[in-house]
PDB file of all heavy atoms in Angstrom:
ATOM      1  N   LEU A   1       0.794  -1.222   0.005  1.00  0.00           N
ATOM      2  CA  LEU A   1      -0.004   0.006   0.008  1.00  0.00           C
ATOM      3  C   LEU A   1       0.836   1.265  -0.004  1.00  0.00           C
ATOM      4  O   LEU A   1       0.316   2.340  -0.329  1.00  0.00           O
ATOM      5  CB  LEU A   1      -0.947   0.003   1.211  1.00  0.00           C
ATOM      6  CG  LEU A   1      -1.864  -1.226   1.341  1.00  0.00           C
ATOM      7  CD1 LEU A   1      -2.800  -1.075   2.518  1.00  0.00           C
ATOM      8  CD2 LEU A   1      -2.642  -1.481   0.054  1.00  0.00           C
ATOM      9  N   MET A   2       2.114   1.168   0.348  1.00  0.00           N
ATOM     10  CA  MET A   2       2.932   2.371   0.443  1.00  0.00           C
ATOM     11  C   MET A   2       4.413   2.007   0.366  1.00  0.00           C
ATOM     12  O   MET A   2       4.797   0.908   0.780  1.00  0.00           O
ATOM     13  CB  MET A   2       2.663   3.072   1.800  1.00  0.00           C
ATOM     14  CG  MET A   2       3.403   4.401   1.994  1.00  0.00           C
ATOM     15  SD  MET A   2       2.981   5.129   3.610  1.00  0.00           S
ATOM     16  CE  MET A   2       3.816   4.020   4.733  1.00  0.00           C
ATOM     17  N   GLY A   3       5.224   2.912  -0.176  1.00  0.00           N
ATOM     18  CA  GLY A   3       6.660   2.699  -0.227  1.00  0.00           C
ATOM     19  C   GLY A   3       7.134   2.336  -1.615  1.00  0.00           C
ATOM     20  O   GLY A   3       6.344   2.097  -2.546  1.00  0.00           O
ATOM     21  N   HIS A   4       8.458   2.252  -1.759  1.00  0.00           N
ATOM     22  CA  HIS A   4       9.059   1.932  -3.062  1.00  0.00           C
ATOM     23  C   HIS A   4       8.651   0.528  -3.544  1.00  0.00           C
ATOM     24  O   HIS A   4       8.568   0.275  -4.744  1.00  0.00           O
ATOM     25  CB  HIS A   4      10.575   2.015  -3.003  1.00  0.00           C
ATOM     26  CG  HIS A   4      11.090   3.428  -3.106  1.00  0.00           C
ATOM     27  ND1 HIS A   4      10.919   4.365  -2.124  1.00  0.00           N
ATOM     28  CD2 HIS A   4      11.763   4.069  -4.116  1.00  0.00           C
ATOM     29  CE1 HIS A   4      11.470   5.517  -2.498  1.00  0.00           C
ATOM     30  NE2 HIS A   4      11.954   5.375  -3.718  1.00  0.00           N
ATOM     31  N   LYS A   5       8.398  -0.346  -2.592  1.00  0.00           N
ATOM     32  CA  LYS A   5       8.063  -1.729  -2.987  1.00  0.00           C
ATOM     33  C   LYS A   5       6.713  -1.775  -3.695  1.00  0.00           C
ATOM     34  O   LYS A   5       6.403  -2.738  -4.404  1.00  0.00           O
ATOM     35  CB  LYS A   5       8.023  -2.644  -1.770  1.00  0.00           C
ATOM     36  CG  LYS A   5       7.857  -4.119  -2.099  1.00  0.00           C
ATOM     37  CD  LYS A   5       8.066  -4.998  -0.870  1.00  0.00           C
ATOM     38  CE  LYS A   5       7.879  -6.470  -1.230  1.00  0.00           C
ATOM     39  NZ  LYS A   5       8.125  -7.332  -0.068  1.00  0.00           N
ATOM     40  N   ARG A   6       5.912  -0.733  -3.562  1.00  0.00           N
ATOM     41  CA  ARG A   6       4.609  -0.672  -4.229  1.00  0.00           C
ATOM     42  C   ARG A   6       4.768  -0.690  -5.750  1.00  0.00           C
ATOM     43  O   ARG A   6       3.871  -1.146  -6.456  1.00  0.00           O
ATOM     44  CB  ARG A   6       3.852   0.569  -3.780  1.00  0.00           C
ATOM     45  CG  ARG A   6       2.461   0.679  -4.407  1.00  0.00           C
ATOM     46  CD  ARG A   6       1.582   1.692  -3.717  1.00  0.00           C
ATOM     47  NE  ARG A   6       0.380   1.967  -4.486  1.00  0.00           N
ATOM     48  CZ  ARG A   6      -0.673   1.161  -4.575  1.00  0.00           C
ATOM     49  NH1 ARG A   6      -0.684   0.034  -3.899  1.00  0.00           N
ATOM     50  NH2 ARG A   6      -1.710   1.499  -5.298  1.00  0.00           N
ATOM     51  N   VAL A   7       5.907  -0.257  -6.256  1.00  0.00           N
ATOM     52  CA  VAL A   7       6.108  -0.122  -7.705  1.00  0.00           C
ATOM     53  C   VAL A   7       6.440  -1.509  -8.274  1.00  0.00           C
ATOM     54  O   VAL A   7       7.573  -1.934  -8.282  1.00  0.00           O
ATOM     55  CB  VAL A   7       7.187   0.898  -8.038  1.00  0.00           C
ATOM     56  CG1 VAL A   7       7.315   1.078  -9.548  1.00  0.00           C
ATOM     57  CG2 VAL A   7       6.883   2.231  -7.371  1.00  0.00           C
ATOM     58  N   TRP A   8       5.434  -2.185  -8.800  1.00  0.00           N
ATOM     59  CA  TRP A   8       5.566  -3.569  -9.267  1.00  0.00           C
ATOM     60  C   TRP A   8       6.616  -3.724 -10.379  1.00  0.00           C
ATOM     61  O   TRP A   8       7.452  -4.612 -10.314  1.00  0.00           O
ATOM     62  CB  TRP A   8       4.200  -4.078  -9.728  1.00  0.00           C
ATOM     63  CG  TRP A   8       4.164  -5.524 -10.081  1.00  0.00           C
ATOM     64  CD1 TRP A   8       3.828  -6.558  -9.239  1.00  0.00           C
ATOM     65  CD2 TRP A   8       4.481  -6.129 -11.344  1.00  0.00           C
ATOM     66  NE1 TRP A   8       3.930  -7.751  -9.902  1.00  0.00           N
ATOM     67  CE2 TRP A   8       4.308  -7.513 -11.181  1.00  0.00           C
ATOM     68  CE3 TRP A   8       4.880  -5.618 -12.576  1.00  0.00           C
ATOM     69  CZ2 TRP A   8       4.542  -8.412 -12.238  1.00  0.00           C
ATOM     70  CZ3 TRP A   8       5.108  -6.499 -13.624  1.00  0.00           C
ATOM     71  CH2 TRP A   8       4.941  -7.872 -13.443  1.00  0.00           C
ATOM     72  N   PRO A   9       6.613  -2.913 -11.442  1.00  0.00           N
ATOM     73  CA  PRO A   9       7.569  -3.159 -12.537  1.00  0.00           C
ATOM     74  C   PRO A   9       9.021  -2.909 -12.142  1.00  0.00           C
ATOM     75  O   PRO A   9       9.923  -3.560 -12.677  1.00  0.00           O
ATOM     76  CB  PRO A   9       7.109  -2.186 -13.630  1.00  0.00           C
ATOM     77  CG  PRO A   9       6.319  -1.142 -12.930  1.00  0.00           C
ATOM     78  CD  PRO A   9       5.672  -1.819 -11.783  1.00  0.00           C
ATOM     79  N   TYR A  10       9.270  -1.976 -11.236  1.00  0.00           N
ATOM     80  CA  TYR A  10      10.653  -1.739 -10.794  1.00  0.00           C
ATOM     81  C   TYR A  10      11.172  -2.968 -10.055  1.00  0.00           C
ATOM     82  O   TYR A  10      12.335  -3.350 -10.229  1.00  0.00           O
ATOM     83  CB  TYR A  10      10.706  -0.509  -9.893  1.00  0.00           C
ATOM     84  CG  TYR A  10      12.094  -0.133  -9.459  1.00  0.00           C
ATOM     85  CD1 TYR A  10      13.023   0.422 -10.353  1.00  0.00           C
ATOM     86  CD2 TYR A  10      12.530  -0.332  -8.148  1.00  0.00           C
ATOM     87  CE1 TYR A  10      14.318   0.764  -9.961  1.00  0.00           C
ATOM     88  CE2 TYR A  10      13.822   0.006  -7.737  1.00  0.00           C
ATOM     89  CZ  TYR A  10      14.693   0.573  -8.644  1.00  0.00           C
ATOM     90  OH  TYR A  10      15.982   0.894  -8.239  1.00  0.00           O
ATOM     91  N   ARG A  11      10.298  -3.586  -9.281  1.00  0.00           N
ATOM     92  CA  ARG A  11      10.711  -4.798  -8.580  1.00  0.00           C
ATOM     93  C   ARG A  11      10.933  -5.959  -9.578  1.00  0.00           C
ATOM     94  O   ARG A  11      11.890  -6.724  -9.465  1.00  0.00           O
ATOM     95  CB  ARG A  11       9.655  -5.181  -7.549  1.00  0.00           C
ATOM     96  CG  ARG A  11      10.155  -6.223  -6.534  1.00  0.00           C
ATOM     97  CD  ARG A  11       9.194  -6.362  -5.376  1.00  0.00           C
ATOM     98  NE  ARG A  11       9.811  -7.169  -4.325  1.00  0.00           N
ATOM     99  CZ  ARG A  11      10.604  -6.702  -3.355  1.00  0.00           C
ATOM    100  NH1 ARG A  11      10.863  -5.405  -3.311  1.00  0.00           N
ATOM    101  NH2 ARG A  11      11.115  -7.504  -2.461  1.00  0.00           N
ATOM    102  N   PHE A  12      10.044  -6.051 -10.563  1.00  0.00           N
ATOM    103  CA  PHE A  12      10.155  -7.126 -11.554  1.00  0.00           C
ATOM    104  C   PHE A  12      11.507  -7.091 -12.271  1.00  0.00           C
ATOM    105  O   PHE A  12      12.110  -8.123 -12.504  1.00  0.00           O
ATOM    106  CB  PHE A  12       9.023  -7.011 -12.565  1.00  0.00           C
ATOM    107  CG  PHE A  12       9.044  -8.112 -13.606  1.00  0.00           C
ATOM    108  CD1 PHE A  12       8.295  -9.264 -13.436  1.00  0.00           C
ATOM    109  CD2 PHE A  12       9.833  -8.003 -14.735  1.00  0.00           C
ATOM    110  CE1 PHE A  12       8.336 -10.282 -14.365  1.00  0.00           C
ATOM    111  CE2 PHE A  12       9.885  -9.016 -15.675  1.00  0.00           C
ATOM    112  CZ  PHE A  12       9.134 -10.161 -15.499  1.00  0.00           C
ATOM    113  N   ASP A  13      11.982  -5.929 -12.613  1.00  0.00           N
ATOM    114  CA  ASP A  13      13.219  -5.782 -13.403  1.00  0.00           C
ATOM    115  C   ASP A  13      14.482  -5.841 -12.548  1.00  0.00           C
ATOM    116  O   ASP A  13      15.582  -5.667 -13.061  1.00  0.00           O
ATOM    117  CB  ASP A  13      13.216  -4.485 -14.194  1.00  0.00           C
ATOM    118  CG  ASP A  13      12.259  -4.527 -15.388  1.00  0.00           C
ATOM    119  OD1 ASP A  13      11.973  -5.640 -15.867  1.00  0.00           O
ATOM    120  OD2 ASP A  13      11.806  -3.454 -15.839  1.00  0.00           O
ATOM    121  N   ALA A  14      14.353  -6.075 -11.239  1.00  0.00           N
ATOM    122  CA  ALA A  14      15.509  -6.003 -10.356  1.00  0.00           C
ATOM    123  C   ALA A  14      16.609  -6.990 -10.739  1.00  0.00           C
ATOM    124  O   ALA A  14      17.801  -6.651 -10.778  1.00  0.00           O
ATOM    125  CB  ALA A  14      15.084  -6.227  -8.905  1.00  0.00           C
ATOM    126  N   GLN A  15      16.225  -8.249 -11.040  1.00  0.00           N
ATOM    127  CA  GLN A  15      17.247  -9.235 -11.375  1.00  0.00           C
ATOM    128  C   GLN A  15      17.997  -8.857 -12.658  1.00  0.00           C
ATOM    129  O   GLN A  15      19.196  -9.073 -12.750  1.00  0.00           O
ATOM    130  CB  GLN A  15      16.600 -10.628 -11.542  1.00  0.00           C
ATOM    131  CG  GLN A  15      16.189 -11.273 -10.242  1.00  0.00           C
ATOM    132  CD  GLN A  15      14.755 -11.020  -9.887  1.00  0.00           C
ATOM    133  OE1 GLN A  15      14.139 -10.048 -10.374  1.00  0.00           O
ATOM    134  NE2 GLN A  15      14.172 -11.839  -9.008  1.00  0.00           N
ATOM    135  N   GLU A  16      17.283  -8.324 -13.620  1.00  0.00           N
ATOM    136  CA  GLU A  16      17.959  -7.927 -14.859  1.00  0.00           C
ATOM    137  C   GLU A  16      18.919  -6.756 -14.606  1.00  0.00           C
ATOM    138  O   GLU A  16      20.015  -6.733 -15.141  1.00  0.00           O
ATOM    139  CB  GLU A  16      16.950  -7.563 -15.951  1.00  0.00           C
ATOM    140  CG  GLU A  16      17.621  -7.281 -17.291  1.00  0.00           C
ATOM    141  CD  GLU A  16      16.686  -7.348 -18.472  1.00  0.00           C
ATOM    142  OE1 GLU A  16      15.460  -7.559 -18.267  1.00  0.00           O
ATOM    143  OE2 GLU A  16      17.173  -7.163 -19.608  1.00  0.00           O
ATOM    144  N   ARG A  17      18.500  -5.809 -13.782  1.00  0.00           N
ATOM    145  CA  ARG A  17      19.394  -4.710 -13.433  1.00  0.00           C
ATOM    146  C   ARG A  17      20.624  -5.233 -12.694  1.00  0.00           C
ATOM    147  O   ARG A  17      21.753  -4.750 -12.904  1.00  0.00           O
ATOM    148  CB  ARG A  17      18.674  -3.659 -12.564  1.00  0.00           C
ATOM    149  CG  ARG A  17      17.594  -2.895 -13.307  1.00  0.00           C
ATOM    150  CD  ARG A  17      17.162  -1.640 -12.528  1.00  0.00           C
ATOM    151  NE  ARG A  17      16.769  -1.925 -11.171  1.00  0.00           N
ATOM    152  CZ  ARG A  17      15.547  -2.282 -10.796  1.00  0.00           C
ATOM    153  NH1 ARG A  17      14.582  -2.438 -11.703  1.00  0.00           N
ATOM    154  NH2 ARG A  17      15.265  -2.496  -9.534  1.00  0.00           N
ATOM    155  N   ALA A  18      20.445  -6.243 -11.846  1.00  0.00           N
ATOM    156  CA  ALA A  18      21.562  -6.827 -11.130  1.00  0.00           C
ATOM    157  C   ALA A  18      22.571  -7.455 -12.079  1.00  0.00           C
ATOM    158  O   ALA A  18      23.792  -7.306 -11.917  1.00  0.00           O
ATOM    159  CB  ALA A  18      21.062  -7.852 -10.113  1.00  0.00           C
ATOM    160  N   LEU A  19      22.072  -8.160 -13.082  1.00  0.00           N
ATOM    161  CA  LEU A  19      22.964  -8.771 -14.082  1.00  0.00           C
ATOM    162  C   LEU A  19      23.648  -7.681 -14.909  1.00  0.00           C
ATOM    163  O   LEU A  19      24.836  -7.804 -15.237  1.00  0.00           O
ATOM    164  CB  LEU A  19      22.196  -9.722 -14.964  1.00  0.00           C
ATOM    165  CG  LEU A  19      21.649 -10.993 -14.307  1.00  0.00           C
ATOM    166  CD1 LEU A  19      20.815 -11.796 -15.274  1.00  0.00           C
ATOM    167  CD2 LEU A  19      22.767 -11.838 -13.721  1.00  0.00           C
ATOM    168  N   MET A  20      22.936  -6.633 -15.212  1.00  0.00           N
ATOM    169  CA  MET A  20      23.543  -5.528 -15.965  1.00  0.00           C
ATOM    170  C   MET A  20      24.622  -4.846 -15.102  1.00  0.00           C
ATOM    171  O   MET A  20      25.590  -4.293 -15.664  1.00  0.00           O
ATOM    172  CB  MET A  20      22.451  -4.508 -16.345  1.00  0.00           C
ATOM    173  CG  MET A  20      21.456  -5.027 -17.369  1.00  0.00           C
ATOM    174  SD  MET A  20      19.992  -3.954 -17.561  1.00  0.00           S
ATOM    175  CE  MET A  20      20.767  -2.512 -18.328  1.00  0.00           C
ATOM    176  N   GLY A  21      24.476  -4.944 -13.803  1.00  0.00           N
ATOM    177  CA  GLY A  21      25.458  -4.362 -12.882  1.00  0.00           C
ATOM    178  C   GLY A  21      26.640  -5.293 -12.595  1.00  0.00           C
ATOM    179  O   GLY A  21      27.533  -4.936 -11.821  1.00  0.00           O
ATOM    180  N   GLY A  22      26.640  -6.496 -13.186  1.00  0.00           N
ATOM    181  CA  GLY A  22      27.790  -7.395 -13.059  1.00  0.00           C
ATOM    182  C   GLY A  22      27.615  -8.547 -12.104  1.00  0.00           C
ATOM    183  O   GLY A  22      28.535  -9.338 -11.912  1.00  0.00           O
ATOM    184  N   MET A  23      26.464  -8.682 -11.460  1.00  0.00           N
ATOM    185  CA  MET A  23      26.245  -9.808 -10.555  1.00  0.00           C
ATOM    186  C   MET A  23      26.342 -11.116 -11.301  1.00  0.00           C
ATOM    187  O   MET A  23      25.891 -11.238 -12.446  1.00  0.00           O
ATOM    188  CB  MET A  23      24.875  -9.694  -9.863  1.00  0.00           C
ATOM    189  CG  MET A  23      24.761  -8.537  -8.902  1.00  0.00           C
ATOM    190  SD  MET A  23      25.787  -8.750  -7.416  1.00  0.00           S
ATOM    191  CE  MET A  23      25.433  -7.177  -6.571  1.00  0.00           C
ATOM    192  N   ARG A  24      26.927 -12.125 -10.636  1.00  0.00           N
ATOM    193  CA  ARG A  24      27.102 -13.419 -11.270  1.00  0.00           C
ATOM    194  C   ARG A  24      25.810 -14.220 -11.315  1.00  0.00           C
ATOM    195  O   ARG A  24      25.567 -14.989 -12.249  1.00  0.00           O
ATOM    196  CB  ARG A  24      28.161 -14.216 -10.509  1.00  0.00           C
ATOM    197  CG  ARG A  24      28.583 -15.490 -11.212  1.00  0.00           C
ATOM    198  CD  ARG A  24      29.771 -16.120 -10.531  1.00  0.00           C
ATOM    199  NE  ARG A  24      29.388 -16.745  -9.273  1.00  0.00           N
ATOM    200  CZ  ARG A  24      30.100 -16.641  -8.142  1.00  0.00           C
ATOM    201  NH1 ARG A  24      31.194 -15.932  -8.134  1.00  0.00           N
ATOM    202  NH2 ARG A  24      29.702 -17.247  -7.049  1.00  0.00           N
ATOM    203  N   GLY A  25      24.976 -14.049 -10.304  1.00  0.00           N
ATOM    204  CA  GLY A  25      23.753 -14.836 -10.240  1.00  0.00           C
ATOM    205  C   GLY A  25      22.594 -14.061  -9.692  1.00  0.00           C
ATOM    206  O   GLY A  25      22.752 -13.049  -9.030  1.00  0.00           O
ATOM    207  N   VAL A  26      21.380 -14.560  -9.981  1.00  0.00           N
ATOM    208  CA  VAL A  26      20.155 -13.943  -9.490  1.00  0.00           C
ATOM    209  C   VAL A  26      19.167 -15.053  -9.126  1.00  0.00           C
ATOM    210  O   VAL A  26      19.166 -16.125  -9.728  1.00  0.00           O
ATOM    211  CB  VAL A  26      19.500 -12.984 -10.518  1.00  0.00           C
ATOM    212  CG1 VAL A  26      20.281 -11.703 -10.616  1.00  0.00           C
ATOM    213  CG2 VAL A  26      19.390 -13.654 -11.902  1.00  0.00           C
ATOM    214  N   ALA A  27      18.359 -14.766  -8.114  1.00  0.00           N
ATOM    215  CA  ALA A  27      17.350 -15.739  -7.662  1.00  0.00           C
ATOM    216  C   ALA A  27      15.975 -15.109  -7.687  1.00  0.00           C
ATOM    217  O   ALA A  27      15.807 -13.904  -7.495  1.00  0.00           O
ATOM    218  CB  ALA A  27      17.700 -16.216  -6.264  1.00  0.00           C
ATOM    219  N   PHE A  28      14.966 -15.953  -7.939  1.00  0.00           N
ATOM    220  CA  PHE A  28      13.592 -15.518  -8.151  1.00  0.00           C
ATOM    221  C   PHE A  28      12.674 -16.226  -7.189  1.00  0.00           C
ATOM    222  O   PHE A  28      12.907 -17.369  -6.787  1.00  0.00           O
ATOM    223  CB  PHE A  28      13.137 -15.860  -9.571  1.00  0.00           C
ATOM    224  CG  PHE A  28      14.024 -15.309 -10.662  1.00  0.00           C
ATOM    225  CD1 PHE A  28      15.231 -15.919 -10.969  1.00  0.00           C
ATOM    226  CD2 PHE A  28      13.634 -14.192 -11.388  1.00  0.00           C
ATOM    227  CE1 PHE A  28      16.046 -15.418 -11.965  1.00  0.00           C
ATOM    228  CE2 PHE A  28      14.439 -13.673 -12.397  1.00  0.00           C
ATOM    229  CZ  PHE A  28      15.668 -14.298 -12.679  1.00  0.00           C
TER     230      PHE A  28
END
């Protein structure tokens, strides 16, 4: 209901942003 977590698409793209930032792995 409130906060940054409310933004569904930003959360959805988090793993892809992590890989773009150089992370070796991502979990879902």
